Amino acid sequence: MTLLSMDRETTRNAGFNSGRGLMVRMKDFVAGKRAVRQLHQLDDRLLADIGVRRGDIHFSVWGK
């Protein structure tokens, strides 16, 4: 039966034949949405302290 066994990591993370698995991409998306929400809750003074303007929050998190 060793003929049918596959590397567990390869099988689990092979989402849609991309380089990264589907679950990894979903976790990144959820973390990005959380970061955007948390940054929007800060006032402008605190955003300035970390070097982010309110209009640049999306770009700072997603890089697009």
PDB file of N, CA and C in Angstrom:
ATOM      1  N   MET A   1       0.798  -1.201   0.000  1.00  0.00           N
ATOM      2  CA  MET A   1       0.000   0.000   0.000  1.00  0.00           C
ATOM      3  C   MET A   1       0.846   1.273   0.000  1.00  0.00           C
ATOM      4  N   THR A   2       2.119   1.185   0.060  1.00  0.00           N
ATOM      5  CA  THR A   2       2.932   2.396   0.045  1.00  0.00           C
ATOM      6  C   THR A   2       2.887   3.094  -1.311  1.00  0.00           C
ATOM      7  N   LEU A   3       2.457   2.376  -2.322  1.00  0.00           N
ATOM      8  CA  LEU A   3       2.347   2.958  -3.650  1.00  0.00           C
ATOM      9  C   LEU A   3       1.304   4.076  -3.685  1.00  0.00           C
ATOM     10  N   LEU A   4       0.238   3.955  -2.903  1.00  0.00           N
ATOM     11  CA  LEU A   4      -0.841   4.934  -2.897  1.00  0.00           C
ATOM     12  C   LEU A   4      -0.625   6.082  -1.928  1.00  0.00           C
ATOM     13  N   SER A   5       0.331   5.956  -1.042  1.00  0.00           N
ATOM     14  CA  SER A   5       0.534   7.014  -0.059  1.00  0.00           C
ATOM     15  C   SER A   5       1.194   8.218  -0.710  1.00  0.00           C
ATOM     16  N   MET A   6       0.760   9.380  -0.290  1.00  0.00           N
ATOM     17  CA  MET A   6       1.317  10.626  -0.813  1.00  0.00           C
ATOM     18  C   MET A   6       1.785  11.469   0.353  1.00  0.00           C
ATOM     19  N   ASP A   7       2.652  12.390   0.065  1.00  0.00           N
ATOM     20  CA  ASP A   7       3.116  13.303   1.099  1.00  0.00           C
ATOM     21  C   ASP A   7       1.928  14.109   1.607  1.00  0.00           C
ATOM     22  N   ARG A   8       1.692  14.092   2.893  1.00  0.00           N
ATOM     23  CA  ARG A   8       0.512  14.741   3.485  1.00  0.00           C
ATOM     24  C   ARG A   8       0.493  16.240   3.212  1.00  0.00           C
ATOM     25  N   GLU A   9       1.618  16.894   3.312  1.00  0.00           N
ATOM     26  CA  GLU A   9       1.686  18.344   3.107  1.00  0.00           C
ATOM     27  C   GLU A   9       1.328  18.711   1.668  1.00  0.00           C
ATOM     28  N   THR A  10       1.804  17.956   0.714  1.00  0.00           N
ATOM     29  CA  THR A  10       1.509  18.218  -0.687  1.00  0.00           C
ATOM     30  C   THR A  10       0.016  18.056  -0.972  1.00  0.00           C
ATOM     31  N   THR A  11      -0.579  17.008  -0.436  1.00  0.00           N
ATOM     32  CA  THR A  11      -1.999  16.752  -0.672  1.00  0.00           C
ATOM     33  C   THR A  11      -2.867  17.816  -0.022  1.00  0.00           C
ATOM     34  N   ARG A  12      -2.532  18.202   1.181  1.00  0.00           N
ATOM     35  CA  ARG A  12      -3.371  19.136   1.922  1.00  0.00           C
ATOM     36  C   ARG A  12      -3.309  20.549   1.349  1.00  0.00           C
ATOM     37  N   ASN A  13      -2.175  20.989   0.848  1.00  0.00           N
ATOM     38  CA  ASN A  13      -1.996  22.381   0.429  1.00  0.00           C
ATOM     39  C   ASN A  13      -1.995  22.573  -1.087  1.00  0.00           C
ATOM     40  N   ALA A  14      -2.559  21.673  -1.831  1.00  0.00           N
ATOM     41  CA  ALA A  14      -2.518  21.775  -3.287  1.00  0.00           C
ATOM     42  C   ALA A  14      -3.783  22.420  -3.846  1.00  0.00           C
ATOM     43  N   GLY A  15      -4.287  23.457  -3.233  1.00  0.00           N
ATOM     44  CA  GLY A  15      -5.543  24.079  -3.646  1.00  0.00           C
ATOM     45  C   GLY A  15      -5.502  24.691  -5.024  1.00  0.00           C
ATOM     46  N   PHE A  16      -6.355  24.235  -5.910  1.00  0.00           N
ATOM     47  CA  PHE A  16      -6.540  24.763  -7.266  1.00  0.00           C
ATOM     48  C   PHE A  16      -5.256  24.863  -8.072  1.00  0.00           C
ATOM     49  N   ASN A  17      -4.321  23.998  -7.834  1.00  0.00           N
ATOM     50  CA  ASN A  17      -3.063  23.917  -8.589  1.00  0.00           C
ATOM     51  C   ASN A  17      -2.265  25.217  -8.568  1.00  0.00           C
ATOM     52  N   SER A  18      -2.466  26.019  -7.565  1.00  0.00           N
ATOM     53  CA  SER A  18      -1.658  27.230  -7.444  1.00  0.00           C
ATOM     54  C   SER A  18      -0.483  26.919  -6.524  1.00  0.00           C
ATOM     55  N   GLY A  19       0.393  27.875  -6.374  1.00  0.00           N
ATOM     56  CA  GLY A  19       1.536  27.659  -5.510  1.00  0.00           C
ATOM     57  C   GLY A  19       1.158  27.579  -4.039  1.00  0.00           C
ATOM     58  N   ARG A  20       0.080  28.235  -3.652  1.00  0.00           N
ATOM     59  CA  ARG A  20      -0.332  28.260  -2.253  1.00  0.00           C
ATOM     60  C   ARG A  20      -1.685  27.590  -2.104  1.00  0.00           C
ATOM     61  N   GLY A  21      -1.898  26.975  -0.990  1.00  0.00           N
ATOM     62  CA  GLY A  21      -3.146  26.280  -0.748  1.00  0.00           C
ATOM     63  C   GLY A  21      -4.303  27.230  -0.510  1.00  0.00           C
ATOM     64  N   LEU A  22      -5.485  26.709  -0.690  1.00  0.00           N
ATOM     65  CA  LEU A  22      -6.700  27.503  -0.520  1.00  0.00           C
ATOM     66  C   LEU A  22      -6.841  27.999   0.914  1.00  0.00           C
ATOM     67  N   MET A  23      -6.558  27.144   1.881  1.00  0.00           N
ATOM     68  CA  MET A  23      -6.699  27.540   3.282  1.00  0.00           C
ATOM     69  C   MET A  23      -5.711  28.655   3.646  1.00  0.00           C
ATOM     70  N   VAL A  24      -4.518  28.607   3.116  1.00  0.00           N
ATOM     71  CA  VAL A  24      -3.529  29.659   3.390  1.00  0.00           C
ATOM     72  C   VAL A  24      -4.011  30.983   2.826  1.00  0.00           C
ATOM     73  N   ARG A  25      -4.551  30.943   1.617  1.00  0.00           N
ATOM     74  CA  ARG A  25      -5.061  32.174   1.004  1.00  0.00           C
ATOM     75  C   ARG A  25      -6.259  32.720   1.764  1.00  0.00           C
ATOM     76  N   MET A  26      -7.123  31.841   2.255  1.00  0.00           N
ATOM     77  CA  MET A  26      -8.283  32.289   3.044  1.00  0.00           C
ATOM     78  C   MET A  26      -7.837  32.910   4.362  1.00  0.00           C
ATOM     79  N   LYS A  27      -6.854  32.308   5.023  1.00  0.00           N
ATOM     80  CA  LYS A  27      -6.343  32.865   6.279  1.00  0.00           C
ATOM     81  C   LYS A  27      -5.719  34.233   6.047  1.00  0.00           C
ATOM     82  N   ASP A  28      -4.986  34.388   4.942  1.00  0.00           N
ATOM     83  CA  ASP A  28      -4.398  35.690   4.610  1.00  0.00           C
ATOM     84  C   ASP A  28      -5.479  36.733   4.358  1.00  0.00           C
ATOM     85  N   PHE A  29      -6.543  36.345   3.663  1.00  0.00           N
ATOM     86  CA  PHE A  29      -7.631  37.264   3.372  1.00  0.00           C
ATOM     87  C   PHE A  29      -8.322  37.716   4.663  1.00  0.00           C
ATOM     88  N   VAL A  30      -8.613  36.780   5.550  1.00  0.00           N
ATOM     89  CA  VAL A  30      -9.280  37.112   6.811  1.00  0.00           C
ATOM     90  C   VAL A  30      -8.383  38.012   7.663  1.00  0.00           C
ATOM     91  N   ALA A  31      -7.091  37.714   7.703  1.00  0.00           N
ATOM     92  CA  ALA A  31      -6.164  38.546   8.476  1.00  0.00           C
ATOM     93  C   ALA A  31      -6.077  39.953   7.886  1.00  0.00           C
ATOM     94  N   GLY A  32      -6.096  40.071   6.561  1.00  0.00           N
ATOM     95  CA  GLY A  32      -6.061  41.385   5.920  1.00  0.00           C
ATOM     96  C   GLY A  32      -7.314  42.192   6.208  1.00  0.00           C
ATOM     97  N   LYS A  33      -8.480  41.550   6.143  1.00  0.00           N
ATOM     98  CA  LYS A  33      -9.725  42.245   6.454  1.00  0.00           C
ATOM     99  C   LYS A  33      -9.727  42.734   7.900  1.00  0.00           C
ATOM    100  N   ARG A  34      -9.206  41.913   8.810  1.00  0.00           N
ATOM    101  CA  ARG A  34      -9.139  42.296  10.219  1.00  0.00           C
ATOM    102  C   ARG A  34      -8.201  43.487  10.398  1.00  0.00           C
ATOM    103  N   ALA A  35      -7.077  43.479   9.705  1.00  0.00           N
ATOM    104  CA  ALA A  35      -6.118  44.580   9.820  1.00  0.00           C
ATOM    105  C   ALA A  35      -6.723  45.886   9.305  1.00  0.00           C
ATOM    106  N   VAL A  36      -7.429  45.833   8.183  1.00  0.00           N
ATOM    107  CA  VAL A  36      -8.070  47.032   7.635  1.00  0.00           C
ATOM    108  C   VAL A  36      -9.094  47.577   8.626  1.00  0.00           C
ATOM    109  N   ARG A  37      -9.914  46.690   9.187  1.00  0.00           N
ATOM    110  CA  ARG A  37     -10.932  47.111  10.146  1.00  0.00           C
ATOM    111  C   ARG A  37     -10.293  47.754  11.380  1.00  0.00           C
ATOM    112  N   GLN A  38      -9.228  47.162  11.895  1.00  0.00           N
ATOM    113  CA  GLN A  38      -8.572  47.702  13.082  1.00  0.00           C
ATOM    114  C   GLN A  38      -7.905  49.043  12.788  1.00  0.00           C
ATOM    115  N   LEU A  39      -7.300  49.182  11.616  1.00  0.00           N
ATOM    116  CA  LEU A  39      -6.672  50.459  11.277  1.00  0.00           C
ATOM    117  C   LEU A  39      -7.712  51.560  11.101  1.00  0.00           C
ATOM    118  N   HIS A  40      -8.868  51.239  10.543  1.00  0.00           N
ATOM    119  CA  HIS A  40      -9.924  52.244  10.391  1.00  0.00           C
ATOM    120  C   HIS A  40     -10.465  52.711  11.739  1.00  0.00           C
ATOM    121  N   GLN A  41     -10.316  51.911  12.772  1.00  0.00           N
ATOM    122  CA  GLN A  41     -10.791  52.292  14.092  1.00  0.00           C
ATOM    123  C   GLN A  41      -9.851  53.264  14.796  1.00  0.00           C
ATOM    124  N   LEU A  42      -8.608  53.381  14.338  1.00  0.00           N
ATOM    125  CA  LEU A  42      -7.655  54.304  14.947  1.00  0.00           C
ATOM    126  C   LEU A  42      -7.942  55.732  14.512  1.00  0.00           C
ATOM    127  N   ASP A  43      -7.598  56.684  15.368  1.00  0.00           N
ATOM    128  CA  ASP A  43      -7.764  58.083  14.965  1.00  0.00           C
ATOM    129  C   ASP A  43      -6.563  58.516  14.115  1.00  0.00           C
ATOM    130  N   ASP A  44      -6.695  59.685  13.484  1.00  0.00           N
ATOM    131  CA  ASP A  44      -5.671  60.147  12.540  1.00  0.00           C
ATOM    132  C   ASP A  44      -4.311  60.358  13.200  1.00  0.00           C
ATOM    133  N   ARG A  45      -4.301  60.760  14.458  1.00  0.00           N
ATOM    134  CA  ARG A  45      -3.043  60.977  15.164  1.00  0.00           C
ATOM    135  C   ARG A  45      -2.273  59.663  15.337  1.00  0.00           C
ATOM    136  N   LEU A  46      -2.978  58.616  15.721  1.00  0.00           N
ATOM    137  CA  LEU A  46      -2.323  57.316  15.888  1.00  0.00           C
ATOM    138  C   LEU A  46      -1.861  56.750  14.545  1.00  0.00           C
ATOM    139  N   LEU A  47      -2.663  56.947  13.507  1.00  0.00           N
ATOM    140  CA  LEU A  47      -2.241  56.511  12.181  1.00  0.00           C
ATOM    141  C   LEU A  47      -0.981  57.242  11.739  1.00  0.00           C
ATOM    142  N   ALA A  48      -0.913  58.546  12.031  1.00  0.00           N
ATOM    143  CA  ALA A  48       0.280  59.316  11.673  1.00  0.00           C
ATOM    144  C   ALA A  48       1.506  58.804  12.431  1.00  0.00           C
ATOM    145  N   ASP A  49       1.307  58.354  13.665  1.00  0.00           N
ATOM    146  CA  ASP A  49       2.420  57.820  14.452  1.00  0.00           C
ATOM    147  C   ASP A  49       3.030  56.572  13.808  1.00  0.00           C
ATOM    148  N   ILE A  50       2.205  55.773  13.158  1.00  0.00           N
ATOM    149  CA  ILE A  50       2.753  54.575  12.513  1.00  0.00           C
ATOM    150  C   ILE A  50       3.035  54.801  11.025  1.00  0.00           C
ATOM    151  N   GLY A  51       2.828  56.011  10.553  1.00  0.00           N
ATOM    152  CA  GLY A  51       3.199  56.374   9.189  1.00  0.00           C
ATOM    153  C   GLY A  51       2.190  55.981   8.125  1.00  0.00           C
ATOM    154  N   VAL A  52       0.914  55.943   8.491  1.00  0.00           N
ATOM    155  CA  VAL A  52      -0.137  55.569   7.543  1.00  0.00           C
ATOM    156  C   VAL A  52      -1.185  56.670   7.516  1.00  0.00           C
ATOM    157  N   ARG A  53      -1.548  57.107   6.304  1.00  0.00           N
ATOM    158  CA  ARG A  53      -2.658  58.045   6.176  1.00  0.00           C
ATOM    159  C   ARG A  53      -3.944  57.253   5.994  1.00  0.00           C
ATOM    160  N   ARG A  54      -5.064  57.823   6.397  1.00  0.00           N
ATOM    161  CA  ARG A  54      -6.342  57.124   6.342  1.00  0.00           C
ATOM    162  C   ARG A  54      -6.655  56.635   4.923  1.00  0.00           C
ATOM    163  N   GLY A  55      -6.334  57.421   3.926  1.00  0.00           N
ATOM    164  CA  GLY A  55      -6.597  57.025   2.544  1.00  0.00           C
ATOM    165  C   GLY A  55      -5.691  55.926   2.029  1.00  0.00           C
ATOM    166  N   ASP A  56      -4.604  55.650   2.741  1.00  0.00           N
ATOM    167  CA  ASP A  56      -3.648  54.629   2.310  1.00  0.00           C
ATOM    168  C   ASP A  56      -3.761  53.321   3.075  1.00  0.00           C
ATOM    169  N   ILE A  57      -4.792  53.162   3.892  1.00  0.00           N
ATOM    170  CA  ILE A  57      -4.927  51.947   4.702  1.00  0.00           C
ATOM    171  C   ILE A  57      -5.040  50.717   3.806  1.00  0.00           C
ATOM    172  N   HIS A  58      -5.891  50.776   2.812  1.00  0.00           N
ATOM    173  CA  HIS A  58      -6.079  49.619   1.925  1.00  0.00           C
ATOM    174  C   HIS A  58      -4.757  49.240   1.261  1.00  0.00           C
ATOM    175  N   PHE A  59      -4.034  50.220   0.729  1.00  0.00           N
ATOM    176  CA  PHE A  59      -2.759  49.956   0.077  1.00  0.00           C
ATOM    177  C   PHE A  59      -1.725  49.407   1.067  1.00  0.00           C
ATOM    178  N   SER A  60      -1.721  49.941   2.287  1.00  0.00           N
ATOM    179  CA  SER A  60      -0.756  49.495   3.288  1.00  0.00           C
ATOM    180  C   SER A  60      -0.957  48.029   3.652  1.00  0.00           C
ATOM    181  N   VAL A  61      -2.207  47.590   3.679  1.00  0.00           N
ATOM    182  CA  VAL A  61      -2.480  46.207   4.064  1.00  0.00           C
ATOM    183  C   VAL A  61      -2.344  45.271   2.868  1.00  0.00           C
ATOM    184  N   TRP A  62      -2.966  45.617   1.759  1.00  0.00           N
ATOM    185  CA  TRP A  62      -3.015  44.707   0.610  1.00  0.00           C
ATOM    186  C   TRP A  62      -1.904  44.916  -0.387  1.00  0.00           C
ATOM    187  N   GLY A  63      -1.295  46.098  -0.400  1.00  0.00           N
ATOM    188  CA  GLY A  63      -0.204  46.354  -1.339  1.00  0.00           C
ATOM    189  C   GLY A  63      -0.652  46.514  -2.784  1.00  0.00           C
ATOM    190  N   LYS A  64      -1.919  46.869  -2.987  1.00  0.00           N
ATOM    191  CA  LYS A  64      -2.432  47.025  -4.349  1.00  0.00           C
ATOM    192  C   LYS A  64      -2.959  48.427  -4.530  1.00  0.00           C
TER     193      LYS A  64
END
